[in-house]
Amino acid sequence: MQTILLSREEVGRRAKELYENNIRQQVEREENIGKMVIIDIETGDYAVDKTGIESARYLRNKHPLARFFGIRIGYKVAASFSGEMERDTR
């Protein structure tokens, strides 16, 4: 697979589009709220775990050169420096 250079903004845009159109309805369940979904922005593959580390390892083994983006399920942000994160109520 040929690597294409993308800006951080484009990586984020693609990941959010994949999440909204394909992934959200599959992962956004009560038992997954607060977990991380890691998305391969080129293939659309994704994996879910508590911190995202195991998901990233799993996906990296499948696609060594892929670019990933993490989204915290049920929240507007993946991490917070202040300790508070706002829930996404969509």
C-alpha atoms as a PDB file:
ATOM      1  CA  MET A   1       0.000   0.000   0.000  1.00  0.00           C
ATOM      2  CA  GLN A   2       1.370   3.401  -0.938  1.00  0.00           C
ATOM      3  CA  THR A   3       1.645   5.915   1.874  1.00  0.00           C
ATOM      4  CA  ILE A   4      -0.059   9.252   1.253  1.00  0.00           C
ATOM      5  CA  LEU A   5       0.878  12.235   3.379  1.00  0.00           C
ATOM      6  CA  LEU A   6      -2.136  13.679   5.193  1.00  0.00           C
ATOM      7  CA  SER A   7      -2.427  16.542   7.627  1.00  0.00           C
ATOM      8  CA  ARG A   8      -3.555  15.860  11.210  1.00  0.00           C
ATOM      9  CA  GLU A   9      -6.789  17.627  10.367  1.00  0.00           C
ATOM     10  CA  GLU A  10      -7.450  15.327   7.397  1.00  0.00           C
ATOM     11  CA  VAL A  11      -6.693  12.215   9.468  1.00  0.00           C
ATOM     12  CA  GLY A  12      -9.162  13.439  12.108  1.00  0.00           C
ATOM     13  CA  ARG A  13     -11.805  14.309   9.526  1.00  0.00           C
ATOM     14  CA  ARG A  14     -11.591  10.880   7.901  1.00  0.00           C
ATOM     15  CA  ALA A  15     -11.730   9.076  11.244  1.00  0.00           C
ATOM     16  CA  LYS A  16     -14.745  11.054  12.435  1.00  0.00           C
ATOM     17  CA  GLU A  17     -16.532  10.420   9.146  1.00  0.00           C
ATOM     18  CA  LEU A  18     -15.879   6.667   9.433  1.00  0.00           C
ATOM     19  CA  TYR A  19     -17.039   6.739  13.057  1.00  0.00           C
ATOM     20  CA  GLU A  20     -20.268   8.599  12.345  1.00  0.00           C
ATOM     21  CA  ASN A  21     -21.190   6.665   9.190  1.00  0.00           C
ATOM     22  CA  ASN A  22     -20.076   3.113   9.996  1.00  0.00           C
ATOM     23  CA  ILE A  23     -18.756   2.510  13.487  1.00  0.00           C
ATOM     24  CA  ARG A  24     -20.819   4.484  16.033  1.00  0.00           C
ATOM     25  CA  GLN A  25     -23.965   2.359  15.743  1.00  0.00           C
ATOM     26  CA  GLN A  26     -21.895  -0.807  16.309  1.00  0.00           C
ATOM     27  CA  VAL A  27     -19.812   0.276  19.309  1.00  0.00           C
ATOM     28  CA  GLU A  28     -21.807   2.888  21.202  1.00  0.00           C
ATOM     29  CA  ARG A  29     -23.368   0.592  23.795  1.00  0.00           C
ATOM     30  CA  GLU A  30     -23.507   1.041  27.550  1.00  0.00           C
ATOM     31  CA  GLU A  31     -20.696  -1.486  28.170  1.00  0.00           C
ATOM     32  CA  ASN A  32     -18.382   0.460  25.837  1.00  0.00           C
ATOM     33  CA  ILE A  33     -18.994   4.004  27.113  1.00  0.00           C
ATOM     34  CA  GLY A  34     -15.629   5.447  28.121  1.00  0.00           C
ATOM     35  CA  LYS A  35     -13.573   2.910  26.170  1.00  0.00           C
ATOM     36  CA  MET A  36     -11.402   3.854  23.208  1.00  0.00           C
ATOM     37  CA  VAL A  37     -12.104   2.906  19.614  1.00  0.00           C
ATOM     38  CA  ILE A  38      -9.003   2.984  17.427  1.00  0.00           C
ATOM     39  CA  ILE A  39      -9.712   3.463  13.725  1.00  0.00           C
ATOM     40  CA  ASP A  40      -7.477   2.691  10.759  1.00  0.00           C
ATOM     41  CA  ILE A  41      -8.398   5.643   8.557  1.00  0.00           C
ATOM     42  CA  GLU A  42      -7.360   3.913   5.341  1.00  0.00           C
ATOM     43  CA  THR A  43      -9.183   0.566   5.687  1.00  0.00           C
ATOM     44  CA  GLY A  44     -11.946   1.474   8.131  1.00  0.00           C
ATOM     45  CA  ASP A  45     -10.884  -1.385  10.425  1.00  0.00           C
ATOM     46  CA  TYR A  46     -11.340  -0.626  14.109  1.00  0.00           C
ATOM     47  CA  ALA A  47     -10.932  -2.190  17.530  1.00  0.00           C
ATOM     48  CA  VAL A  48     -12.161  -1.280  21.024  1.00  0.00           C
ATOM     49  CA  ASP A  49     -10.519  -1.620  24.435  1.00  0.00           C
ATOM     50  CA  LYS A  50     -10.244   0.306  27.691  1.00  0.00           C
ATOM     51  CA  THR A  51      -7.223   2.455  26.828  1.00  0.00           C
ATOM     52  CA  GLY A  52      -6.735   1.940  23.092  1.00  0.00           C
ATOM     53  CA  ILE A  53      -3.273   0.431  23.481  1.00  0.00           C
ATOM     54  CA  GLU A  54      -4.263  -3.177  22.786  1.00  0.00           C
ATOM     55  CA  SER A  55      -6.484  -2.073  19.909  1.00  0.00           C
ATOM     56  CA  ALA A  56      -3.617  -0.140  18.338  1.00  0.00           C
ATOM     57  CA  ARG A  57      -1.307  -3.173  18.699  1.00  0.00           C
ATOM     58  CA  TYR A  58      -3.904  -5.456  17.137  1.00  0.00           C
ATOM     59  CA  LEU A  59      -4.448  -3.111  14.192  1.00  0.00           C
ATOM     60  CA  ARG A  60      -0.702  -2.464  13.785  1.00  0.00           C
ATOM     61  CA  ASN A  61      -0.166  -6.222  13.381  1.00  0.00           C
ATOM     62  CA  LYS A  62      -2.789  -6.282  10.613  1.00  0.00           C
ATOM     63  CA  HIS A  63      -1.615  -3.108   8.865  1.00  0.00           C
ATOM     64  CA  PRO A  64       1.958  -2.122   9.849  1.00  0.00           C
ATOM     65  CA  LEU A  65       1.986   1.201   7.949  1.00  0.00           C
ATOM     66  CA  ALA A  66      -1.542   2.344   8.777  1.00  0.00           C
ATOM     67  CA  ARG A  67      -2.502   5.623  10.410  1.00  0.00           C
ATOM     68  CA  PHE A  68      -4.785   5.418  13.417  1.00  0.00           C
ATOM     69  CA  PHE A  69      -7.102   7.804  15.185  1.00  0.00           C
ATOM     70  CA  GLY A  70      -8.619   7.236  18.630  1.00  0.00           C
ATOM     71  CA  ILE A  71     -12.067   8.286  19.795  1.00  0.00           C
ATOM     72  CA  ARG A  72     -13.393   7.857  23.338  1.00  0.00           C
ATOM     73  CA  ILE A  73     -16.801   6.239  22.972  1.00  0.00           C
ATOM     74  CA  GLY A  74     -19.608   8.413  24.302  1.00  0.00           C
ATOM     75  CA  TYR A  75     -17.461  11.501  24.920  1.00  0.00           C
ATOM     76  CA  LYS A  76     -16.604  14.651  23.000  1.00  0.00           C
ATOM     77  CA  VAL A  77     -12.871  14.325  23.718  1.00  0.00           C
ATOM     78  CA  ALA A  78     -10.475  11.406  24.142  1.00  0.00           C
ATOM     79  CA  ALA A  79      -8.601  12.871  27.132  1.00  0.00           C
ATOM     80  CA  SER A  80      -8.712  15.847  29.468  1.00  0.00           C
ATOM     81  CA  PHE A  81      -6.017  17.684  31.372  1.00  0.00           C
ATOM     82  CA  SER A  82      -8.524  19.074  33.870  1.00  0.00           C
ATOM     83  CA  GLY A  83      -9.963  15.670  34.737  1.00  0.00           C
ATOM     84  CA  GLU A  84     -13.452  16.407  33.400  1.00  0.00           C
ATOM     85  CA  MET A  85     -14.791  15.206  30.084  1.00  0.00           C
ATOM     86  CA  GLU A  86     -18.111  16.201  28.577  1.00  0.00           C
ATOM     87  CA  ARG A  87     -20.390  13.354  27.438  1.00  0.00           C
ATOM     88  CA  ASP A  88     -21.605  13.302  23.859  1.00  0.00           C
ATOM     89  CA  THR A  89     -25.381  13.065  24.138  1.00  0.00           C
ATOM     90  CA  ARG A  90     -26.180  12.389  20.485  1.00  0.00           C
END
